Amino acid sequence: MHSSVRAFLKAQAHSLKPIVMVGKGGFGEQVVRALDEALSSHELVKVKFQAHKDELGPIAESLAERTKSDLVSIIGFIATFYRASDEHLIRIPLELSAKNQ
């Protein structure tokens, strides 16, 4: 993902609240399914880490890989993920998308 697209998505995510939580139970299939479903309906999703905070980076990368999404950012204990859906709820400006090519 190009840095300009990442910056655009970070700005879009600013007002979002986390809708998936990683707690004491870790990041098993239940969290992967919850994130996958949230990405399908919202495209841009924040995940809050209430536990496993010392492993946040590797867990976030694993979640991105397992949900076929992009890890947009990690700020504090919140990771933001993006995966385009068929509905294209978030319109990335063409001039930013063109930079990717």
Protein backbone atom coordinates (compact mmCIF):
# COMPACT_ATOMS: atom_id res chain seq x y z
CA MET A 1 0.00 0.00 0.00
CA HIS A 2 1.37 3.40 -1.01
CA SER A 3 2.06 5.89 1.79
CA SER A 4 -0.38 8.47 0.36
CA VAL A 5 -3.20 5.89 0.38
CA ARG A 6 -2.21 4.85 3.90
CA ALA A 7 -2.34 8.51 5.03
CA PHE A 8 -5.77 8.94 3.42
CA LEU A 9 -7.09 5.82 5.20
CA LYS A 10 -5.61 6.92 8.54
CA ALA A 11 -7.50 10.21 8.18
CA GLN A 12 -10.72 8.33 7.35
CA ALA A 13 -10.25 6.10 10.41
CA HIS A 14 -9.63 8.96 12.82
CA SER A 15 -13.26 9.24 13.97
CA LEU A 16 -13.92 5.48 14.04
CA LYS A 17 -14.33 3.55 17.27
CA PRO A 18 -12.76 0.10 17.67
CA ILE A 19 -15.32 -2.63 16.91
CA VAL A 20 -13.13 -5.70 17.41
CA MET A 21 -11.31 -6.41 20.67
CA VAL A 22 -8.35 -8.66 21.40
CA GLY A 23 -8.66 -9.72 25.03
CA LYS A 24 -7.16 -12.30 27.34
CA GLY A 25 -8.36 -15.07 25.04
CA GLY A 26 -5.82 -13.98 22.45
CA PHE A 27 -6.33 -13.72 18.73
CA GLY A 28 -7.82 -17.09 17.86
CA GLU A 29 -10.30 -17.93 15.14
CA GLN A 30 -13.04 -15.98 16.91
CA VAL A 31 -11.12 -12.69 16.56
CA VAL A 32 -10.13 -13.51 12.96
CA ARG A 33 -13.80 -14.19 12.07
CA ALA A 34 -14.96 -11.02 13.84
CA LEU A 35 -12.40 -8.89 11.97
CA ASP A 36 -13.19 -10.62 8.67
CA GLU A 37 -16.93 -9.91 9.08
CA ALA A 38 -16.28 -6.32 10.17
CA LEU A 39 -14.03 -5.71 7.14
CA SER A 40 -16.70 -7.15 4.84
CA SER A 41 -19.28 -4.68 6.07
CA HIS A 42 -17.13 -1.62 6.94
CA GLU A 43 -13.87 -1.94 4.91
CA LEU A 44 -11.95 0.14 7.48
CA VAL A 45 -11.87 -1.31 11.00
CA LYS A 46 -10.10 -0.52 14.25
CA VAL A 47 -9.05 -3.34 16.58
CA LYS A 48 -8.33 -2.57 20.24
CA PHE A 49 -5.80 -4.67 22.13
CA GLN A 50 -6.91 -5.03 25.75
CA ALA A 51 -4.38 -7.79 26.37
CA HIS A 52 -1.30 -9.14 24.57
CA LYS A 53 -0.13 -5.54 24.21
CA ASP A 54 3.53 -6.59 24.14
CA GLU A 55 2.81 -8.71 21.04
CA LEU A 56 0.66 -6.12 19.25
CA GLY A 57 2.85 -5.78 16.12
CA PRO A 58 3.19 -9.49 15.29
CA ILE A 59 -0.46 -10.19 16.14
CA ALA A 60 -1.65 -7.27 13.96
CA GLU A 61 0.47 -8.48 11.03
CA SER A 62 -0.91 -12.00 11.47
CA LEU A 63 -4.49 -10.69 11.56
CA ALA A 64 -3.88 -8.71 8.36
CA GLU A 65 -2.46 -11.78 6.65
CA ARG A 66 -5.25 -14.09 7.83
CA THR A 67 -8.01 -11.66 6.77
CA LYS A 68 -6.27 -10.67 3.50
CA SER A 69 -6.37 -7.04 4.59
CA ASP A 70 -3.85 -4.21 4.86
CA LEU A 71 -2.54 -3.05 8.22
CA VAL A 72 -2.98 0.71 7.90
CA SER A 73 -1.53 1.81 11.25
CA ILE A 74 -0.85 1.00 14.85
CA ILE A 75 -1.34 3.86 17.29
CA GLY A 76 -1.07 3.02 20.96
CA PHE A 77 -2.99 -0.21 21.47
CA ILE A 78 -5.25 0.21 18.43
CA ALA A 79 -4.54 -1.28 15.01
CA THR A 80 -6.42 -0.16 11.89
CA PHE A 81 -7.11 -2.56 9.01
CA TYR A 82 -8.45 -1.97 5.49
CA ARG A 83 -9.85 -4.34 2.89
CA ALA A 84 -11.88 -3.11 -0.09
CA SER A 85 -15.28 -4.72 -0.55
CA ASP A 86 -17.41 -5.11 -3.66
CA GLU A 87 -19.47 -2.09 -2.56
CA HIS A 88 -16.37 0.17 -2.31
CA LEU A 89 -17.71 2.04 0.71
CA ILE A 90 -14.51 4.06 0.95
CA ARG A 91 -13.59 5.85 -2.25
CA ILE A 92 -9.85 6.30 -2.49
CA PRO A 93 -9.18 9.35 -4.69
CA LEU A 94 -7.92 8.41 -8.14
CA GLU A 95 -4.82 10.58 -7.85
CA LEU A 96 -3.76 8.56 -4.76
CA SER A 97 -4.58 5.23 -6.41
CA ALA A 98 -2.60 6.20 -9.51
CA LYS A 99 0.54 6.66 -7.40
CA ASN A 100 0.35 2.97 -6.55
CA GLN A 101 0.94 1.95 -10.13
